[in-house]
Amino acid sequence: MQKLKKISEHTNVITWFEIPVIDSDRARTFYETILDIKMRTVQMEETNEELTFFPSVPGVIQATSGRVTGALVRSENSKPSQEGILVYLNASPDIQTVIDRIEPAGGKVLVPRKQIPAGYIAIFTDTEGNRVAVHAEV
């Protein structure tokens, strides 16, 4: 029996997230606009899913690097929701710039910029109806 490696204090417990979407193009445009990023979309023929990936470092294995990334996922089994787990996306260096882009891009700010001990957060709904948050240290 193979012994499993213990997660070290230098590795994130979370390694991947998925945000369910109905319209991949609309969701991709929304997230690219508010976060000022470029995403790439891949059609997974074997699972009939469409994944639109948030940027990550090429060649870095996420589970052991301490970096977390994810994708927008369109599939039969994924349904946008405002309930359940809340994913916080990195809005550094200026959270207010990201917040200011949300409503013009088709989302809705639910909780405006709010200070917490670890910086600032804001919560919004995206174009697909998901409740998502952003965080920045300053």
N, C-alpha and C. Protein backbone atom coordinates (compact mmCIF):
# COMPACT_ATOMS: atom_id res chain seq x y z
N MET A 1 0.83 -1.18 0.00
CA MET A 1 0.00 0.00 0.00
C MET A 1 0.88 1.25 0.00
N GLN A 2 0.58 2.18 -0.91
CA GLN A 2 1.37 3.39 -1.03
C GLN A 2 0.94 4.41 0.02
N LYS A 3 1.91 4.99 0.68
CA LYS A 3 1.63 5.99 1.70
C LYS A 3 1.41 7.34 1.02
N LEU A 4 0.34 8.06 1.41
CA LEU A 4 0.06 9.36 0.85
C LEU A 4 0.93 10.42 1.51
N LYS A 5 1.35 11.39 0.70
CA LYS A 5 2.13 12.50 1.24
C LYS A 5 1.21 13.44 1.99
N LYS A 6 1.68 13.93 3.10
CA LYS A 6 0.93 14.89 3.89
C LYS A 6 1.07 16.27 3.24
N ILE A 7 0.00 17.05 3.29
CA ILE A 7 0.06 18.42 2.78
C ILE A 7 0.91 19.24 3.74
N SER A 8 1.89 19.95 3.20
CA SER A 8 2.76 20.76 4.04
C SER A 8 2.14 22.13 4.27
N GLU A 9 2.72 22.85 5.22
CA GLU A 9 2.22 24.20 5.50
C GLU A 9 2.53 25.16 4.36
N HIS A 10 3.32 24.74 3.38
CA HIS A 10 3.68 25.58 2.24
C HIS A 10 2.82 25.31 1.01
N THR A 11 1.85 24.42 1.15
CA THR A 11 0.99 24.05 0.02
C THR A 11 -0.46 24.40 0.35
N ASN A 12 -1.14 25.02 -0.60
CA ASN A 12 -2.56 25.32 -0.39
C ASN A 12 -3.37 24.05 -0.33
N VAL A 13 -4.39 24.03 0.52
CA VAL A 13 -5.30 22.90 0.59
C VAL A 13 -6.18 22.90 -0.66
N ILE A 14 -6.57 24.07 -1.12
CA ILE A 14 -7.38 24.19 -2.33
C ILE A 14 -6.45 24.31 -3.52
N THR A 15 -6.71 23.52 -4.56
CA THR A 15 -5.86 23.55 -5.75
C THR A 15 -6.61 23.91 -7.02
N TRP A 16 -7.93 23.82 -7.01
CA TRP A 16 -8.70 24.02 -8.23
C TRP A 16 -10.11 24.45 -7.87
N PHE A 17 -10.72 25.30 -8.70
CA PHE A 17 -12.12 25.66 -8.53
C PHE A 17 -12.78 25.70 -9.89
N GLU A 18 -14.09 25.52 -9.90
CA GLU A 18 -14.88 25.62 -11.13
C GLU A 18 -16.07 26.52 -10.86
N ILE A 19 -16.31 27.45 -11.79
CA ILE A 19 -17.47 28.33 -11.73
C ILE A 19 -18.39 27.90 -12.86
N PRO A 20 -19.59 27.40 -12.53
CA PRO A 20 -20.50 26.93 -13.57
C PRO A 20 -21.07 28.10 -14.40
N VAL A 21 -21.20 27.86 -15.70
CA VAL A 21 -21.73 28.89 -16.59
C VAL A 21 -22.74 28.30 -17.57
N ILE A 22 -23.60 29.15 -18.07
CA ILE A 22 -24.58 28.76 -19.08
C ILE A 22 -24.05 29.13 -20.46
N ASP A 23 -23.47 30.32 -20.57
CA ASP A 23 -22.96 30.84 -21.83
C ASP A 23 -21.47 31.14 -21.65
N SER A 24 -20.62 30.27 -22.17
CA SER A 24 -19.17 30.40 -21.99
C SER A 24 -18.62 31.70 -22.55
N ASP A 25 -19.08 32.10 -23.71
CA ASP A 25 -18.57 33.33 -24.32
C ASP A 25 -18.92 34.55 -23.48
N ARG A 26 -20.16 34.62 -23.02
CA ARG A 26 -20.60 35.75 -22.20
C ARG A 26 -19.82 35.79 -20.89
N ALA A 27 -19.67 34.63 -20.25
CA ALA A 27 -18.94 34.56 -18.97
C ALA A 27 -17.47 34.91 -19.17
N ARG A 28 -16.87 34.40 -20.25
CA ARG A 28 -15.46 34.70 -20.53
C ARG A 28 -15.26 36.20 -20.71
N THR A 29 -16.13 36.83 -21.49
CA THR A 29 -16.04 38.27 -21.70
C THR A 29 -16.15 39.02 -20.38
N PHE A 30 -17.08 38.60 -19.53
CA PHE A 30 -17.27 39.24 -18.23
C PHE A 30 -16.00 39.18 -17.39
N TYR A 31 -15.46 37.98 -17.19
CA TYR A 31 -14.28 37.82 -16.33
C TYR A 31 -13.03 38.45 -16.95
N GLU A 32 -12.87 38.36 -18.26
CA GLU A 32 -11.73 39.03 -18.89
C GLU A 32 -11.83 40.54 -18.70
N THR A 33 -13.05 41.08 -18.77
CA THR A 33 -13.25 42.52 -18.62
C THR A 33 -12.99 42.98 -17.20
N ILE A 34 -13.60 42.33 -16.22
CA ILE A 34 -13.45 42.85 -14.85
C ILE A 34 -12.06 42.62 -14.28
N LEU A 35 -11.40 41.51 -14.64
CA LEU A 35 -10.08 41.20 -14.09
C LEU A 35 -8.93 41.62 -15.00
N ASP A 36 -9.25 42.10 -16.22
CA ASP A 36 -8.24 42.51 -17.19
C ASP A 36 -7.24 41.38 -17.44
N ILE A 37 -7.80 40.21 -17.81
CA ILE A 37 -7.01 39.00 -18.07
C ILE A 37 -7.40 38.42 -19.42
N LYS A 38 -6.64 37.45 -19.87
CA LYS A 38 -6.98 36.66 -21.06
C LYS A 38 -7.19 35.23 -20.62
N MET A 39 -8.26 34.62 -21.10
CA MET A 39 -8.59 33.24 -20.75
C MET A 39 -8.57 32.41 -22.03
N ARG A 40 -8.48 31.09 -21.88
CA ARG A 40 -8.55 30.22 -23.04
C ARG A 40 -9.62 29.16 -22.80
N THR A 41 -10.31 28.80 -23.89
CA THR A 41 -11.42 27.85 -23.82
C THR A 41 -11.04 26.56 -24.54
N VAL A 42 -11.39 25.43 -23.91
CA VAL A 42 -11.13 24.11 -24.46
C VAL A 42 -12.42 23.30 -24.42
N GLN A 43 -12.75 22.67 -25.53
CA GLN A 43 -13.91 21.76 -25.59
C GLN A 43 -13.44 20.37 -25.23
N MET A 44 -14.03 19.79 -24.20
CA MET A 44 -13.68 18.44 -23.75
C MET A 44 -14.69 17.47 -24.36
N GLU A 45 -14.35 16.92 -25.51
CA GLU A 45 -15.26 16.05 -26.26
C GLU A 45 -15.71 14.83 -25.44
N GLU A 46 -14.76 14.21 -24.72
CA GLU A 46 -15.07 12.99 -23.99
C GLU A 46 -16.08 13.20 -22.85
N THR A 47 -16.13 14.40 -22.30
CA THR A 47 -17.07 14.67 -21.20
C THR A 47 -18.18 15.64 -21.59
N ASN A 48 -18.15 16.13 -22.83
CA ASN A 48 -19.12 17.11 -23.31
C ASN A 48 -19.15 18.36 -22.42
N GLU A 49 -17.97 18.78 -22.01
CA GLU A 49 -17.83 19.99 -21.21
C GLU A 49 -17.01 21.02 -21.98
N GLU A 50 -17.24 22.27 -21.65
CA GLU A 50 -16.42 23.35 -22.19
C GLU A 50 -15.79 24.06 -21.00
N LEU A 51 -14.47 24.11 -20.97
CA LEU A 51 -13.75 24.75 -19.88
C LEU A 51 -13.04 26.00 -20.39
N THR A 52 -13.22 27.09 -19.67
CA THR A 52 -12.52 28.33 -19.97
C THR A 52 -11.62 28.61 -18.79
N PHE A 53 -10.31 28.51 -19.02
CA PHE A 53 -9.34 28.54 -17.94
C PHE A 53 -8.92 29.95 -17.53
N PHE A 54 -8.88 30.18 -16.21
CA PHE A 54 -8.26 31.38 -15.67
C PHE A 54 -6.76 31.24 -15.90
N PRO A 55 -6.02 32.33 -16.01
CA PRO A 55 -4.59 32.25 -16.27
C PRO A 55 -3.86 31.50 -15.16
N SER A 56 -2.84 30.76 -15.55
CA SER A 56 -1.97 30.09 -14.59
C SER A 56 -0.57 30.05 -15.18
N VAL A 57 0.36 29.61 -14.39
CA VAL A 57 1.74 29.53 -14.86
C VAL A 57 1.90 28.24 -15.64
N PRO A 58 2.23 28.30 -16.94
CA PRO A 58 2.38 27.09 -17.74
C PRO A 58 3.43 26.16 -17.16
N GLY A 59 3.11 24.87 -17.14
CA GLY A 59 4.06 23.87 -16.68
C GLY A 59 4.16 23.71 -15.18
N VAL A 60 3.43 24.54 -14.42
CA VAL A 60 3.48 24.42 -12.96
C VAL A 60 2.34 23.53 -12.51
N ILE A 61 2.67 22.50 -11.76
CA ILE A 61 1.64 21.61 -11.24
C ILE A 61 0.97 22.31 -10.07
N GLN A 62 -0.29 22.64 -10.23
CA GLN A 62 -1.00 23.46 -9.25
C GLN A 62 -1.04 22.84 -7.86
N ALA A 63 -1.26 21.53 -7.76
CA ALA A 63 -1.44 20.89 -6.46
C ALA A 63 -0.22 21.01 -5.56
N THR A 64 0.96 21.10 -6.14
CA THR A 64 2.17 21.16 -5.32
C THR A 64 2.84 22.52 -5.34
N SER A 65 2.38 23.43 -6.18
CA SER A 65 3.05 24.72 -6.31
C SER A 65 2.56 25.74 -5.29
N GLY A 66 1.41 25.49 -4.67
CA GLY A 66 0.84 26.47 -3.77
C GLY A 66 -0.03 27.48 -4.50
N ARG A 67 -0.06 27.43 -5.84
CA ARG A 67 -0.89 28.33 -6.63
C ARG A 67 -2.25 27.67 -6.84
N VAL A 68 -3.28 28.49 -6.88
CA VAL A 68 -4.64 27.99 -7.10
C VAL A 68 -5.17 28.61 -8.37
N THR A 69 -5.81 27.82 -9.20
CA THR A 69 -6.46 28.35 -10.39
C THR A 69 -7.72 27.54 -10.64
N GLY A 70 -8.44 27.89 -11.69
CA GLY A 70 -9.68 27.19 -11.99
C GLY A 70 -10.20 27.54 -13.36
N ALA A 71 -11.48 27.25 -13.56
CA ALA A 71 -12.07 27.44 -14.88
C ALA A 71 -13.55 27.75 -14.78
N LEU A 72 -14.05 28.37 -15.82
CA LEU A 72 -15.49 28.48 -16.04
C LEU A 72 -15.87 27.17 -16.71
N VAL A 73 -16.96 26.54 -16.29
CA VAL A 73 -17.33 25.24 -16.83
C VAL A 73 -18.77 25.24 -17.31
N ARG A 74 -18.94 24.89 -18.60
CA ARG A 74 -20.28 24.71 -19.15
C ARG A 74 -20.46 23.22 -19.37
N SER A 75 -21.46 22.64 -18.68
CA SER A 75 -21.76 21.22 -18.84
C SER A 75 -23.19 20.95 -18.37
N GLU A 76 -23.66 19.76 -18.65
CA GLU A 76 -24.99 19.35 -18.22
C GLU A 76 -25.10 19.32 -16.70
N ASN A 77 -24.02 19.05 -16.02
CA ASN A 77 -24.03 18.87 -14.57
C ASN A 77 -23.68 20.12 -13.77
N SER A 78 -23.37 21.22 -14.44
CA SER A 78 -23.00 22.44 -13.75
C SER A 78 -24.13 23.45 -13.83
N LYS A 79 -24.48 24.02 -12.68
CA LYS A 79 -25.57 24.98 -12.63
C LYS A 79 -25.15 26.19 -11.80
N PRO A 80 -25.21 27.40 -12.38
CA PRO A 80 -24.86 28.59 -11.62
C PRO A 80 -25.74 28.71 -10.37
N SER A 81 -25.17 29.32 -9.31
CA SER A 81 -25.89 29.41 -8.05
C SER A 81 -25.42 30.61 -7.24
N GLN A 82 -26.30 31.11 -6.41
CA GLN A 82 -25.94 32.15 -5.46
C GLN A 82 -25.85 31.58 -4.05
N GLU A 83 -25.93 30.28 -3.95
CA GLU A 83 -25.84 29.60 -2.66
C GLU A 83 -24.61 28.72 -2.64
N GLY A 84 -24.19 28.34 -1.46
CA GLY A 84 -23.06 27.42 -1.35
C GLY A 84 -21.73 28.12 -1.25
N ILE A 85 -20.71 27.46 -1.73
CA ILE A 85 -19.33 27.93 -1.60
C ILE A 85 -19.15 29.28 -2.29
N LEU A 86 -18.35 30.13 -1.67
CA LEU A 86 -18.04 31.44 -2.25
C LEU A 86 -16.56 31.47 -2.62
N VAL A 87 -16.27 31.67 -3.90
CA VAL A 87 -14.91 31.74 -4.41
C VAL A 87 -14.48 33.21 -4.43
N TYR A 88 -13.28 33.47 -3.91
CA TYR A 88 -12.70 34.82 -3.93
C TYR A 88 -11.61 34.86 -4.99
N LEU A 89 -11.74 35.77 -5.93
CA LEU A 89 -10.75 35.95 -6.98
C LEU A 89 -9.83 37.11 -6.60
N ASN A 90 -8.60 37.05 -7.05
CA ASN A 90 -7.61 38.07 -6.75
C ASN A 90 -7.89 39.34 -7.54
N ALA A 91 -8.10 40.44 -6.82
CA ALA A 91 -8.37 41.73 -7.46
C ALA A 91 -7.22 42.70 -7.29
N SER A 92 -6.05 42.19 -6.97
CA SER A 92 -4.88 43.05 -6.79
C SER A 92 -4.42 43.59 -8.14
N PRO A 93 -3.89 44.75 -8.20
CA PRO A 93 -3.49 45.59 -7.08
C PRO A 93 -4.56 46.58 -6.63
N ASP A 94 -5.67 46.72 -7.37
CA ASP A 94 -6.67 47.74 -7.03
C ASP A 94 -8.08 47.17 -7.09
N ILE A 95 -8.61 46.78 -5.96
CA ILE A 95 -9.92 46.14 -5.92
C ILE A 95 -11.02 47.07 -6.45
N GLN A 96 -10.90 48.37 -6.21
CA GLN A 96 -11.96 49.27 -6.65
C GLN A 96 -12.07 49.32 -8.17
N THR A 97 -10.94 49.22 -8.86
CA THR A 97 -10.97 49.19 -10.33
C THR A 97 -11.77 47.99 -10.81
N VAL A 98 -11.56 46.83 -10.18
CA VAL A 98 -12.30 45.62 -10.54
C VAL A 98 -13.79 45.81 -10.23
N ILE A 99 -14.10 46.31 -9.05
CA ILE A 99 -15.50 46.53 -8.65
C ILE A 99 -16.20 47.47 -9.64
N ASP A 100 -15.51 48.52 -10.05
CA ASP A 100 -16.10 49.49 -10.98
C ASP A 100 -16.41 48.89 -12.35
N ARG A 101 -15.79 47.78 -12.71
CA ARG A 101 -16.03 47.13 -14.01
C ARG A 101 -17.19 46.13 -13.96
N ILE A 102 -17.61 45.70 -12.78
CA ILE A 102 -18.59 44.62 -12.64
C ILE A 102 -19.93 44.95 -13.29
N GLU A 103 -20.56 46.03 -12.91
CA GLU A 103 -21.90 46.33 -13.44
C GLU A 103 -21.88 46.71 -14.91
N PRO A 104 -20.91 47.51 -15.40
CA PRO A 104 -20.87 47.76 -16.84
C PRO A 104 -20.67 46.49 -17.67
N ALA A 105 -20.04 45.47 -17.08
CA ALA A 105 -19.80 44.21 -17.79
C ALA A 105 -20.98 43.25 -17.69
N GLY A 106 -22.05 43.63 -16.94
CA GLY A 106 -23.24 42.80 -16.86
C GLY A 106 -23.48 42.11 -15.53
N GLY A 107 -22.60 42.31 -14.56
CA GLY A 107 -22.79 41.72 -13.23
C GLY A 107 -23.50 42.69 -12.31
N LYS A 108 -23.61 42.31 -11.03
CA LYS A 108 -24.26 43.17 -10.04
C LYS A 108 -23.49 43.08 -8.73
N VAL A 109 -23.10 44.22 -8.19
CA VAL A 109 -22.39 44.26 -6.92
C VAL A 109 -23.41 44.04 -5.80
N LEU A 110 -23.17 43.02 -4.99
CA LEU A 110 -24.05 42.70 -3.86
C LEU A 110 -23.54 43.32 -2.56
N VAL A 111 -22.23 43.23 -2.34
CA VAL A 111 -21.57 43.83 -1.18
C VAL A 111 -20.44 44.68 -1.71
N PRO A 112 -20.56 46.01 -1.59
CA PRO A 112 -19.49 46.88 -2.09
C PRO A 112 -18.21 46.70 -1.29
N ARG A 113 -17.16 47.34 -1.73
CA ARG A 113 -15.85 47.25 -1.08
C ARG A 113 -16.00 47.35 0.44
N LYS A 114 -15.44 46.36 1.11
CA LYS A 114 -15.57 46.27 2.56
C LYS A 114 -14.22 45.86 3.13
N GLN A 115 -13.79 46.56 4.19
CA GLN A 115 -12.51 46.22 4.82
C GLN A 115 -12.69 45.03 5.76
N ILE A 116 -11.72 44.11 5.69
CA ILE A 116 -11.66 42.97 6.60
C ILE A 116 -10.23 42.93 7.14
N PRO A 117 -9.93 42.11 8.14
CA PRO A 117 -8.55 42.08 8.66
C PRO A 117 -7.49 41.74 7.60
N ALA A 118 -7.86 41.00 6.57
CA ALA A 118 -6.89 40.60 5.53
C ALA A 118 -6.94 41.49 4.30
N GLY A 119 -7.49 42.69 4.40
CA GLY A 119 -7.55 43.60 3.25
C GLY A 119 -8.95 44.06 2.95
N TYR A 120 -9.36 43.89 1.68
CA TYR A 120 -10.68 44.34 1.23
C TYR A 120 -11.34 43.25 0.40
N ILE A 121 -12.67 43.20 0.48
CA ILE A 121 -13.45 42.26 -0.33
C ILE A 121 -14.64 42.97 -0.95
N ALA A 122 -15.23 42.35 -1.92
CA ALA A 122 -16.52 42.76 -2.48
C ALA A 122 -17.16 41.48 -3.01
N ILE A 123 -18.49 41.42 -2.95
CA ILE A 123 -19.22 40.25 -3.44
C ILE A 123 -20.15 40.70 -4.55
N PHE A 124 -20.26 39.87 -5.61
CA PHE A 124 -21.07 40.23 -6.77
C PHE A 124 -21.71 39.00 -7.37
N THR A 125 -22.67 39.22 -8.28
CA THR A 125 -23.16 38.14 -9.12
C THR A 125 -22.60 38.38 -10.51
N ASP A 126 -22.23 37.29 -11.17
CA ASP A 126 -21.70 37.40 -12.52
C ASP A 126 -22.83 37.33 -13.54
N THR A 127 -22.50 37.32 -14.80
CA THR A 127 -23.51 37.29 -15.87
C THR A 127 -24.28 35.99 -15.91
N GLU A 128 -23.78 34.96 -15.23
CA GLU A 128 -24.41 33.64 -15.24
C GLU A 128 -25.30 33.41 -14.03
N GLY A 129 -25.26 34.31 -13.05
CA GLY A 129 -26.06 34.16 -11.84
C GLY A 129 -25.31 33.58 -10.66
N ASN A 130 -23.98 33.46 -10.77
CA ASN A 130 -23.17 32.96 -9.66
C ASN A 130 -22.84 34.09 -8.70
N ARG A 131 -22.78 33.75 -7.41
CA ARG A 131 -22.28 34.67 -6.39
C ARG A 131 -20.78 34.40 -6.27
N VAL A 132 -19.98 35.45 -6.51
CA VAL A 132 -18.53 35.36 -6.52
C VAL A 132 -18.00 36.56 -5.76
N ALA A 133 -16.77 36.49 -5.29
CA ALA A 133 -16.18 37.62 -4.55
C ALA A 133 -14.80 37.93 -5.11
N VAL A 134 -14.34 39.13 -4.78
CA VAL A 134 -12.97 39.53 -5.09
C VAL A 134 -12.30 39.97 -3.80
N HIS A 135 -10.98 39.85 -3.77
CA HIS A 135 -10.20 40.21 -2.59
C HIS A 135 -8.90 40.89 -3.03
N ALA A 136 -8.47 41.86 -2.26
CA ALA A 136 -7.16 42.47 -2.44
C ALA A 136 -6.66 42.90 -1.06
N GLU A 137 -5.35 42.85 -0.89
CA GLU A 137 -4.78 43.22 0.41
C GLU A 137 -4.85 44.71 0.68
N VAL A 138 -4.85 45.53 -0.38
CA VAL A 138 -4.92 47.00 -0.19
C VAL A 138 -6.03 47.58 -1.02
